[in-house]
């Protein structure tokens, strides 16, 4: 099945240069004069090589078979994270680099969407919001309710966020995993 360069999304697999590649980023570049094009970053699933190239928006790619599965986070071990398939109870170990800096948001039983191409995990996406427990924050200052002051807080897993002054240690909060911002009390 063919897919246009303009329709290629993060995590989709394509056959390119005699190999299977996964789309990492896809950005449309529109010039004032001339034709627009797609600036696409691709990662080879076998070698891990990352390339960035320009393609016409109408250029066609042959789509590779991608298996997307919702897995539950169990624990981290060395340079990998162990996840479990909720239906088959199989445990899957994925490289820590797929989650990257967002590993501070991993908590037990957190659903993680993992893309597999030819049986290899190629991307891991966390939910947009997670609930974390505050493990360390300074006490509330008297009179701090008059203004919207934020204070530093450390969450379970190691995430460091800014929270309103009324948040105490042990409180559960919702955090946006894309920006690392406090959203609300859980």
N, C-alpha and C. Protein backbone atom coordinates (compact mmCIF):
# COMPACT_ATOMS: atom_id res chain seq x y z
N UNK A 1 0.84 -1.17 0.00
CA UNK A 1 0.00 0.00 0.00
C UNK A 1 0.89 1.24 0.00
N UNK A 2 0.58 2.20 -0.84
CA UNK A 2 1.39 3.40 -0.98
C UNK A 2 0.83 4.52 -0.10
N UNK A 3 1.73 5.37 0.37
CA UNK A 3 1.34 6.51 1.19
C UNK A 3 2.12 7.73 0.70
N UNK A 4 1.44 8.89 0.63
CA UNK A 4 2.08 10.13 0.19
C UNK A 4 2.98 10.66 1.30
N UNK A 5 4.02 11.39 0.90
CA UNK A 5 4.95 11.99 1.87
C UNK A 5 4.22 12.95 2.79
N UNK A 6 3.22 13.67 2.28
CA UNK A 6 2.49 14.63 3.11
C UNK A 6 1.59 13.96 4.14
N UNK A 7 1.26 12.67 3.94
CA UNK A 7 0.38 11.96 4.86
C UNK A 7 1.15 11.08 5.85
N UNK A 8 2.45 11.05 5.75
CA UNK A 8 3.28 10.22 6.62
C UNK A 8 3.29 10.80 8.04
N UNK A 9 3.04 9.97 9.05
CA UNK A 9 2.98 10.40 10.44
C UNK A 9 4.06 9.73 11.27
N UNK A 10 4.34 10.31 12.43
CA UNK A 10 5.35 9.78 13.35
C UNK A 10 4.99 8.32 13.71
N UNK A 11 5.99 7.45 13.63
CA UNK A 11 5.80 6.05 13.99
C UNK A 11 5.39 5.16 12.84
N UNK A 12 5.07 5.73 11.67
CA UNK A 12 4.69 4.90 10.53
C UNK A 12 5.95 4.36 9.87
N UNK A 13 5.88 3.11 9.43
CA UNK A 13 7.00 2.47 8.77
C UNK A 13 6.85 2.50 7.26
N UNK A 14 7.97 2.74 6.57
CA UNK A 14 7.97 2.77 5.11
C UNK A 14 9.18 2.00 4.60
N UNK A 15 9.06 1.51 3.37
CA UNK A 15 10.19 0.87 2.71
C UNK A 15 10.88 1.95 1.89
N UNK A 16 12.18 2.15 2.16
CA UNK A 16 12.94 3.21 1.51
C UNK A 16 14.40 2.76 1.44
N UNK A 17 15.03 2.95 0.29
CA UNK A 17 16.44 2.57 0.09
C UNK A 17 16.72 1.12 0.54
N UNK A 18 15.92 0.19 0.09
CA UNK A 18 16.10 -1.24 0.37
C UNK A 18 16.13 -1.56 1.86
N UNK A 19 15.36 -0.84 2.66
CA UNK A 19 15.27 -1.12 4.09
C UNK A 19 13.95 -0.62 4.64
N UNK A 20 13.69 -0.95 5.89
CA UNK A 20 12.48 -0.47 6.55
C UNK A 20 12.88 0.68 7.46
N UNK A 21 12.20 1.81 7.26
CA UNK A 21 12.49 3.03 8.00
C UNK A 21 11.22 3.48 8.71
N UNK A 22 11.40 4.17 9.84
CA UNK A 22 10.27 4.69 10.61
C UNK A 22 10.34 6.21 10.59
N UNK A 23 9.19 6.84 10.39
CA UNK A 23 9.12 8.30 10.38
C UNK A 23 9.29 8.82 11.81
N UNK A 24 10.28 9.71 12.00
CA UNK A 24 10.51 10.33 13.30
C UNK A 24 9.83 11.71 13.33
N UNK A 25 10.06 12.50 12.29
CA UNK A 25 9.38 13.80 12.16
C UNK A 25 9.01 14.02 10.70
N UNK A 26 7.96 14.79 10.48
CA UNK A 26 7.52 15.15 9.14
C UNK A 26 6.99 16.57 9.19
N UNK A 27 7.68 17.48 8.50
CA UNK A 27 7.32 18.89 8.53
C UNK A 27 7.13 19.40 7.11
N UNK A 28 6.02 20.11 6.89
CA UNK A 28 5.77 20.69 5.58
C UNK A 28 6.45 22.05 5.51
N UNK A 29 7.24 22.26 4.47
CA UNK A 29 7.93 23.52 4.26
C UNK A 29 7.30 24.18 3.03
N UNK A 30 6.69 25.36 3.24
CA UNK A 30 6.04 26.07 2.14
C UNK A 30 6.83 27.34 1.85
N UNK A 31 7.35 27.41 0.66
CA UNK A 31 8.11 28.59 0.23
C UNK A 31 7.15 29.58 -0.40
N UNK A 32 7.53 30.86 -0.38
CA UNK A 32 6.71 31.88 -1.03
C UNK A 32 6.67 31.66 -2.53
N UNK A 33 7.82 31.32 -3.08
CA UNK A 33 7.93 31.03 -4.51
C UNK A 33 8.34 29.58 -4.65
N UNK A 34 7.81 28.91 -5.61
CA UNK A 34 8.19 27.53 -5.83
C UNK A 34 7.27 26.56 -5.10
N UNK A 35 7.55 25.28 -5.27
CA UNK A 35 6.72 24.24 -4.68
C UNK A 35 7.09 24.00 -3.22
N UNK A 36 6.10 23.60 -2.44
CA UNK A 36 6.36 23.21 -1.06
C UNK A 36 6.89 21.78 -1.06
N UNK A 37 7.52 21.41 0.04
CA UNK A 37 8.08 20.06 0.16
C UNK A 37 7.97 19.59 1.60
N UNK A 38 8.22 18.32 1.80
CA UNK A 38 8.20 17.71 3.13
C UNK A 38 9.63 17.47 3.59
N UNK A 39 9.96 17.92 4.78
CA UNK A 39 11.25 17.64 5.39
C UNK A 39 11.00 16.50 6.38
N UNK A 40 11.50 15.31 6.05
CA UNK A 40 11.19 14.10 6.82
C UNK A 40 12.46 13.51 7.40
N UNK A 41 12.39 13.17 8.70
CA UNK A 41 13.47 12.44 9.37
C UNK A 41 13.04 10.98 9.46
N UNK A 42 13.91 10.09 9.00
CA UNK A 42 13.63 8.66 9.02
C UNK A 42 14.70 7.93 9.82
N UNK A 43 14.29 6.87 10.52
CA UNK A 43 15.23 6.06 11.30
C UNK A 43 15.17 4.63 10.80
N UNK A 44 16.33 4.08 10.46
CA UNK A 44 16.42 2.70 10.00
C UNK A 44 16.24 1.78 11.19
N UNK A 45 15.31 0.82 11.10
CA UNK A 45 15.04 -0.03 12.27
C UNK A 45 16.13 -1.07 12.51
N UNK A 46 16.89 -1.41 11.50
CA UNK A 46 17.95 -2.41 11.68
C UNK A 46 19.23 -1.78 12.23
N UNK A 47 19.65 -0.65 11.64
CA UNK A 47 20.93 -0.04 12.00
C UNK A 47 20.80 1.11 12.99
N UNK A 48 19.60 1.70 13.11
CA UNK A 48 19.41 2.85 13.97
C UNK A 48 19.84 4.16 13.34
N UNK A 49 20.29 4.12 12.07
CA UNK A 49 20.74 5.32 11.37
C UNK A 49 19.58 6.30 11.22
N UNK A 50 19.85 7.57 11.48
CA UNK A 50 18.85 8.62 11.37
C UNK A 50 19.23 9.53 10.21
N UNK A 51 18.29 9.71 9.27
CA UNK A 51 18.55 10.60 8.13
C UNK A 51 17.44 11.63 8.03
N UNK A 52 17.76 12.78 7.47
CA UNK A 52 16.77 13.82 7.20
C UNK A 52 16.84 14.17 5.73
N UNK A 53 15.73 14.06 5.03
CA UNK A 53 15.72 14.34 3.60
C UNK A 53 14.48 15.13 3.23
N UNK A 54 14.53 15.73 2.03
CA UNK A 54 13.40 16.47 1.48
C UNK A 54 12.72 15.61 0.43
N UNK A 55 11.39 15.66 0.43
CA UNK A 55 10.60 14.92 -0.55
C UNK A 55 9.49 15.83 -1.07
N UNK A 56 9.10 15.59 -2.32
CA UNK A 56 7.93 16.28 -2.85
C UNK A 56 6.72 15.83 -2.03
N UNK A 57 5.74 16.71 -1.86
CA UNK A 57 4.57 16.36 -1.04
C UNK A 57 3.77 15.21 -1.65
N UNK A 58 3.88 15.03 -2.97
CA UNK A 58 3.12 13.97 -3.64
C UNK A 58 3.92 12.68 -3.80
N UNK A 59 5.18 12.67 -3.36
CA UNK A 59 6.01 11.48 -3.52
C UNK A 59 5.40 10.31 -2.73
N UNK A 60 5.46 9.12 -3.32
CA UNK A 60 4.83 7.93 -2.73
C UNK A 60 5.87 7.03 -2.05
N UNK A 61 5.49 6.48 -0.91
CA UNK A 61 6.30 5.48 -0.20
C UNK A 61 5.48 4.20 -0.10
N UNK A 62 6.18 3.06 -0.11
CA UNK A 62 5.51 1.80 0.16
C UNK A 62 5.46 1.64 1.67
N UNK A 63 4.26 1.41 2.20
CA UNK A 63 4.08 1.32 3.64
C UNK A 63 4.51 -0.05 4.17
N UNK A 64 5.26 -0.05 5.27
CA UNK A 64 5.68 -1.29 5.92
C UNK A 64 4.63 -1.66 6.98
N UNK A 65 4.58 -2.92 7.31
CA UNK A 65 3.62 -3.39 8.32
C UNK A 65 4.05 -2.89 9.70
N UNK A 66 3.18 -2.13 10.34
CA UNK A 66 3.44 -1.61 11.68
C UNK A 66 2.38 -2.14 12.62
N UNK A 67 2.84 -2.66 13.75
CA UNK A 67 1.94 -3.20 14.76
C UNK A 67 1.96 -2.26 15.95
N UNK A 68 0.82 -1.60 16.23
CA UNK A 68 0.71 -0.71 17.39
C UNK A 68 0.00 -1.46 18.51
N UNK A 69 0.64 -1.44 19.69
CA UNK A 69 0.05 -2.14 20.83
C UNK A 69 0.10 -1.28 22.08
N UNK A 70 -0.96 -1.34 22.88
CA UNK A 70 -0.99 -0.68 24.18
C UNK A 70 -0.42 -1.66 25.20
N UNK A 71 0.67 -1.25 25.83
CA UNK A 71 1.32 -2.08 26.84
C UNK A 71 1.33 -1.32 28.16
N UNK A 72 1.47 -2.06 29.26
CA UNK A 72 1.54 -1.45 30.58
C UNK A 72 2.97 -1.44 31.08
N UNK A 73 3.41 -0.29 31.61
CA UNK A 73 4.76 -0.18 32.16
C UNK A 73 4.83 -0.97 33.46
N UNK A 74 5.89 -1.78 33.61
CA UNK A 74 6.11 -2.54 34.84
C UNK A 74 7.27 -1.97 35.65
N UNK A 75 8.47 -1.95 35.05
CA UNK A 75 9.66 -1.46 35.76
C UNK A 75 10.77 -1.17 34.76
N UNK A 76 11.81 -0.47 35.26
CA UNK A 76 12.99 -0.19 34.44
C UNK A 76 14.12 -1.07 34.92
N UNK A 77 14.95 -1.50 33.96
CA UNK A 77 16.06 -2.40 34.28
C UNK A 77 17.24 -2.03 33.41
N UNK A 78 18.25 -1.41 34.02
CA UNK A 78 19.43 -1.01 33.26
C UNK A 78 19.07 0.02 32.21
N UNK A 79 19.37 -0.27 30.95
CA UNK A 79 19.09 0.66 29.86
C UNK A 79 17.84 0.27 29.08
N UNK A 80 16.87 -0.34 29.77
CA UNK A 80 15.62 -0.72 29.11
C UNK A 80 14.45 -0.61 30.08
N UNK A 81 13.25 -0.58 29.51
CA UNK A 81 12.01 -0.55 30.28
C UNK A 81 11.26 -1.84 29.96
N UNK A 82 10.66 -2.44 30.97
CA UNK A 82 9.90 -3.68 30.78
C UNK A 82 8.42 -3.34 30.82
N UNK A 83 7.72 -3.75 29.75
CA UNK A 83 6.29 -3.50 29.60
C UNK A 83 5.57 -4.84 29.46
N UNK A 84 4.27 -4.84 29.76
CA UNK A 84 3.49 -6.07 29.66
C UNK A 84 2.28 -5.87 28.78
N UNK A 85 2.01 -6.84 27.93
CA UNK A 85 0.80 -6.86 27.11
C UNK A 85 -0.34 -7.32 28.01
N UNK A 86 -1.38 -6.49 28.16
CA UNK A 86 -2.49 -6.80 29.06
C UNK A 86 -3.35 -7.97 28.61
N UNK A 87 -3.30 -8.35 27.34
CA UNK A 87 -4.11 -9.45 26.83
C UNK A 87 -3.39 -10.78 26.94
N UNK A 88 -2.12 -10.81 26.52
CA UNK A 88 -1.38 -12.08 26.50
C UNK A 88 -0.47 -12.24 27.71
N UNK A 89 -0.27 -11.17 28.47
CA UNK A 89 0.62 -11.13 29.64
C UNK A 89 2.08 -11.39 29.28
N UNK A 90 2.43 -11.19 28.00
CA UNK A 90 3.83 -11.28 27.58
C UNK A 90 4.56 -10.02 28.02
N UNK A 91 5.81 -10.20 28.46
CA UNK A 91 6.62 -9.05 28.84
C UNK A 91 7.54 -8.69 27.69
N UNK A 92 7.63 -7.38 27.41
CA UNK A 92 8.44 -6.87 26.32
C UNK A 92 9.43 -5.87 26.90
N UNK A 93 10.69 -6.02 26.52
CA UNK A 93 11.72 -5.09 26.95
C UNK A 93 12.01 -4.13 25.80
N UNK A 94 11.91 -2.82 26.06
CA UNK A 94 12.19 -1.83 25.02
C UNK A 94 13.37 -0.97 25.46
N UNK A 95 14.17 -0.48 24.51
CA UNK A 95 15.30 0.38 24.87
C UNK A 95 14.81 1.67 25.55
N UNK A 96 15.54 2.13 26.55
CA UNK A 96 15.17 3.34 27.28
C UNK A 96 15.17 4.56 26.36
N UNK A 97 15.94 4.54 25.28
CA UNK A 97 16.01 5.66 24.35
C UNK A 97 14.70 5.93 23.64
N UNK A 98 13.81 4.94 23.55
CA UNK A 98 12.52 5.17 22.89
C UNK A 98 11.65 6.10 23.72
N UNK A 99 11.77 6.04 25.03
CA UNK A 99 11.00 6.91 25.91
C UNK A 99 11.77 8.21 26.15
N UNK A 100 13.10 8.11 26.23
CA UNK A 100 13.95 9.29 26.38
C UNK A 100 13.78 10.00 27.71
N UNK A 101 13.75 11.33 27.66
CA UNK A 101 13.64 12.15 28.88
C UNK A 101 12.29 12.00 29.57
N UNK A 102 11.31 11.49 28.87
CA UNK A 102 9.97 11.34 29.45
C UNK A 102 9.88 10.15 30.41
N UNK A 103 10.98 9.44 30.62
CA UNK A 103 10.96 8.29 31.53
C UNK A 103 10.66 8.71 32.97
N UNK A 104 10.81 10.00 33.30
CA UNK A 104 10.49 10.47 34.65
C UNK A 104 8.98 10.40 34.92
N UNK A 105 8.17 10.26 33.89
CA UNK A 105 6.72 10.18 34.05
C UNK A 105 6.22 8.73 34.14
N UNK A 106 7.10 7.76 34.01
CA UNK A 106 6.69 6.36 34.05
C UNK A 106 6.30 5.96 35.47
N UNK A 107 5.09 5.43 35.62
CA UNK A 107 4.62 4.90 36.88
C UNK A 107 4.03 3.53 36.63
N UNK A 108 3.90 2.75 37.68
CA UNK A 108 3.39 1.38 37.54
C UNK A 108 2.04 1.36 36.83
N UNK A 109 1.90 0.44 35.89
CA UNK A 109 0.66 0.21 35.12
C UNK A 109 0.28 1.35 34.19
N UNK A 110 1.22 2.26 33.90
CA UNK A 110 0.95 3.34 32.96
C UNK A 110 0.82 2.76 31.55
N UNK A 111 -0.27 3.08 30.80
CA UNK A 111 -0.38 2.57 29.43
C UNK A 111 0.58 3.31 28.50
N UNK A 112 1.35 2.55 27.74
CA UNK A 112 2.31 3.11 26.79
C UNK A 112 2.01 2.50 25.43
N UNK A 113 1.86 3.34 24.39
CA UNK A 113 1.60 2.82 23.05
C UNK A 113 2.94 2.62 22.34
N UNK A 114 3.21 1.36 21.98
CA UNK A 114 4.49 1.00 21.35
C UNK A 114 4.22 0.54 19.93
N UNK A 115 5.02 1.06 18.98
CA UNK A 115 4.93 0.64 17.58
C UNK A 115 6.02 -0.38 17.32
N UNK A 116 5.65 -1.48 16.70
CA UNK A 116 6.59 -2.52 16.32
C UNK A 116 6.63 -2.63 14.81
N UNK A 117 7.83 -2.69 14.24
CA UNK A 117 8.01 -2.95 12.81
C UNK A 117 8.91 -4.18 12.73
N UNK A 118 8.40 -5.20 12.05
CA UNK A 118 9.10 -6.48 11.94
C UNK A 118 9.51 -7.02 13.30
N UNK A 119 8.62 -6.87 14.29
CA UNK A 119 8.87 -7.41 15.62
C UNK A 119 9.77 -6.58 16.52
N UNK A 120 10.32 -5.48 16.00
CA UNK A 120 11.21 -4.62 16.80
C UNK A 120 10.46 -3.37 17.25
N UNK A 121 10.57 -2.99 18.54
CA UNK A 121 9.94 -1.75 18.98
C UNK A 121 10.68 -0.55 18.39
N UNK A 122 9.93 0.40 17.80
CA UNK A 122 10.56 1.55 17.15
C UNK A 122 10.15 2.89 17.77
N UNK A 123 8.95 2.99 18.33
CA UNK A 123 8.55 4.21 19.03
C UNK A 123 7.73 3.83 20.26
N UNK A 124 7.76 4.70 21.27
CA UNK A 124 6.97 4.51 22.48
C UNK A 124 6.36 5.86 22.85
N UNK A 125 5.04 5.92 22.93
CA UNK A 125 4.34 7.17 23.23
C UNK A 125 3.59 7.05 24.55
N UNK A 126 3.86 8.00 25.44
CA UNK A 126 3.17 8.05 26.73
C UNK A 126 1.84 8.77 26.55
N UNK A 127 0.89 8.58 27.49
CA UNK A 127 -0.34 9.36 27.42
C UNK A 127 -0.02 10.85 27.60
N UNK A 128 -0.93 11.73 27.16
CA UNK A 128 -0.69 13.16 27.26
C UNK A 128 -0.67 13.66 28.70
N UNK A 129 -1.42 13.00 29.58
CA UNK A 129 -1.42 13.39 31.00
C UNK A 129 -1.20 12.16 31.87
N UNK A 130 -0.51 12.38 32.98
CA UNK A 130 -0.28 11.31 33.95
C UNK A 130 -0.55 11.87 35.35
N UNK A 131 -0.85 10.96 36.28
CA UNK A 131 -1.03 11.35 37.68
C UNK A 131 0.21 10.94 38.44
N UNK A 132 0.83 11.91 39.13
CA UNK A 132 2.05 11.67 39.88
C UNK A 132 1.86 12.10 41.32
N UNK A 133 2.61 11.45 42.22
CA UNK A 133 2.58 11.79 43.64
C UNK A 133 3.73 12.74 43.94
N UNK A 134 3.45 13.81 44.66
CA UNK A 134 4.48 14.77 45.08
C UNK A 134 5.24 14.15 46.25
N UNK A 135 6.56 14.02 46.11
CA UNK A 135 7.37 13.43 47.18
C UNK A 135 8.16 14.48 47.95
N UNK A 136 8.35 15.66 47.35
CA UNK A 136 9.11 16.70 48.05
C UNK A 136 8.72 18.06 47.51
N UNK A 137 8.35 18.96 48.43
CA UNK A 137 8.05 20.35 48.07
C UNK A 137 8.14 21.20 49.33
N UNK A 138 8.53 22.47 49.22
CA UNK A 138 8.59 23.32 50.41
C UNK A 138 7.19 23.52 50.99
N UNK A 139 7.09 23.80 52.29
CA UNK A 139 5.77 24.02 52.89
C UNK A 139 5.13 25.30 52.36
N UNK A 140 3.81 25.37 52.50
CA UNK A 140 3.07 26.54 52.03
C UNK A 140 3.41 27.75 52.90
N UNK A 141 3.64 28.90 52.23
CA UNK A 141 3.94 30.13 52.95
C UNK A 141 2.63 30.85 53.28
N UNK A 142 2.58 31.45 54.47
CA UNK A 142 1.37 32.20 54.85
C UNK A 142 1.24 33.42 53.95
N UNK A 143 0.03 33.69 53.51
CA UNK A 143 -0.22 34.86 52.66
C UNK A 143 0.08 34.63 51.20
N UNK A 144 0.45 33.41 50.82
CA UNK A 144 0.79 33.13 49.43
C UNK A 144 -0.46 32.88 48.58
N UNK A 145 -1.64 32.99 49.21
CA UNK A 145 -2.87 32.74 48.45
C UNK A 145 -3.31 33.94 47.63
N UNK A 146 -2.77 35.11 47.93
CA UNK A 146 -3.21 36.33 47.24
C UNK A 146 -2.74 36.36 45.79
N UNK A 147 -1.60 35.77 45.51
CA UNK A 147 -1.08 35.77 44.14
C UNK A 147 -0.89 34.35 43.66
N UNK A 148 -0.79 34.20 42.38
CA UNK A 148 -0.61 32.88 41.79
C UNK A 148 0.89 32.55 41.75
N UNK A 149 1.43 32.17 42.89
CA UNK A 149 2.84 31.83 42.98
C UNK A 149 3.03 30.34 42.78
N UNK A 150 4.10 29.97 42.07
CA UNK A 150 4.42 28.57 41.87
C UNK A 150 5.68 28.24 42.65
N UNK A 151 5.75 26.98 43.12
CA UNK A 151 6.94 26.52 43.83
C UNK A 151 7.41 25.23 43.20
N UNK A 152 8.68 24.88 43.44
CA UNK A 152 9.25 23.65 42.90
C UNK A 152 8.72 22.45 43.64
N UNK A 153 8.56 21.35 42.91
CA UNK A 153 8.13 20.09 43.52
C UNK A 153 8.80 18.94 42.78
N UNK A 154 9.15 17.91 43.56
CA UNK A 154 9.71 16.68 42.97
C UNK A 154 8.64 15.60 43.06
N UNK A 155 8.45 14.90 41.95
CA UNK A 155 7.43 13.85 41.89
C UNK A 155 8.09 12.48 41.90
N UNK A 156 7.26 11.46 42.15
CA UNK A 156 7.77 10.10 42.07
C UNK A 156 8.29 9.87 40.65
N UNK A 157 9.35 9.14 40.51
CA UNK A 157 9.96 8.90 39.21
C UNK A 157 11.02 9.92 38.87
N UNK A 158 11.07 11.04 39.62
CA UNK A 158 12.12 12.03 39.40
C UNK A 158 11.71 13.27 38.64
N UNK A 159 10.44 13.39 38.25
CA UNK A 159 9.99 14.59 37.52
C UNK A 159 10.04 15.80 38.44
N UNK A 160 10.53 16.91 37.90
CA UNK A 160 10.58 18.19 38.63
C UNK A 160 9.62 19.14 37.93
N UNK A 161 8.62 19.62 38.68
CA UNK A 161 7.59 20.50 38.11
C UNK A 161 7.37 21.70 39.01
N UNK A 162 6.67 22.69 38.51
CA UNK A 162 6.24 23.85 39.27
C UNK A 162 4.77 23.64 39.62
N UNK A 163 4.43 23.81 40.91
CA UNK A 163 3.06 23.60 41.36
C UNK A 163 2.59 24.84 42.13
N UNK A 164 1.26 25.03 42.26
CA UNK A 164 0.74 26.14 43.07
C UNK A 164 1.14 25.97 44.54
N UNK A 165 1.09 27.07 45.29
CA UNK A 165 1.56 27.08 46.68
C UNK A 165 0.76 26.15 47.59
N UNK A 166 -0.51 25.86 47.27
CA UNK A 166 -1.33 25.04 48.17
C UNK A 166 -1.04 23.54 48.07
N UNK A 167 -0.25 23.09 47.11
CA UNK A 167 0.06 21.67 46.94
C UNK A 167 1.04 21.24 48.02
N UNK A 168 0.72 20.16 48.73
CA UNK A 168 1.55 19.64 49.82
C UNK A 168 2.21 18.33 49.40
N UNK A 169 3.18 17.88 50.21
CA UNK A 169 3.81 16.57 49.97
C UNK A 169 2.75 15.48 50.10
N UNK A 170 2.84 14.47 49.24
CA UNK A 170 1.89 13.36 49.27
C UNK A 170 0.67 13.57 48.38
N UNK A 171 0.48 14.78 47.86
CA UNK A 171 -0.67 15.06 47.00
C UNK A 171 -0.48 14.42 45.63
N UNK A 172 -1.57 14.04 45.01
CA UNK A 172 -1.57 13.51 43.65
C UNK A 172 -1.93 14.64 42.70
N UNK A 173 -1.11 14.82 41.64
CA UNK A 173 -1.34 15.90 40.68
C UNK A 173 -1.34 15.34 39.26
N UNK A 174 -2.03 16.05 38.36
CA UNK A 174 -2.01 15.70 36.94
C UNK A 174 -0.94 16.55 36.27
N UNK A 175 -0.11 15.90 35.43
CA UNK A 175 0.99 16.57 34.76
C UNK A 175 0.91 16.28 33.26
N UNK A 176 1.14 17.30 32.43
CA UNK A 176 1.18 17.15 30.98
C UNK A 176 2.55 16.59 30.60
N UNK A 177 2.60 15.42 29.99
CA UNK A 177 3.89 14.78 29.64
C UNK A 177 4.57 15.47 28.47
N UNK A 178 3.84 16.23 27.67
CA UNK A 178 4.45 16.91 26.53
C UNK A 178 5.23 18.14 26.96
N UNK A 179 4.71 18.88 27.95
CA UNK A 179 5.37 20.12 28.37
C UNK A 179 5.96 20.04 29.77
N UNK A 180 5.55 19.06 30.57
CA UNK A 180 6.03 18.94 31.94
C UNK A 180 5.36 19.91 32.88
N UNK A 181 4.19 20.43 32.52
CA UNK A 181 3.49 21.42 33.33
C UNK A 181 2.45 20.78 34.22
N UNK A 182 2.25 21.38 35.39
CA UNK A 182 1.18 21.01 36.32
C UNK A 182 -0.16 21.38 35.67
N UNK A 183 -1.14 20.47 35.72
CA UNK A 183 -2.46 20.75 35.17
C UNK A 183 -3.50 20.98 36.24
N UNK A 184 -3.58 20.03 37.20
CA UNK A 184 -4.57 20.15 38.26
C UNK A 184 -4.27 19.15 39.35
N UNK A 185 -5.01 19.25 40.43
CA UNK A 185 -4.93 18.26 41.49
C UNK A 185 -5.68 17.03 41.02
N UNK A 186 -5.20 15.85 41.33
CA UNK A 186 -5.85 14.62 40.86
C UNK A 186 -6.94 14.19 41.83
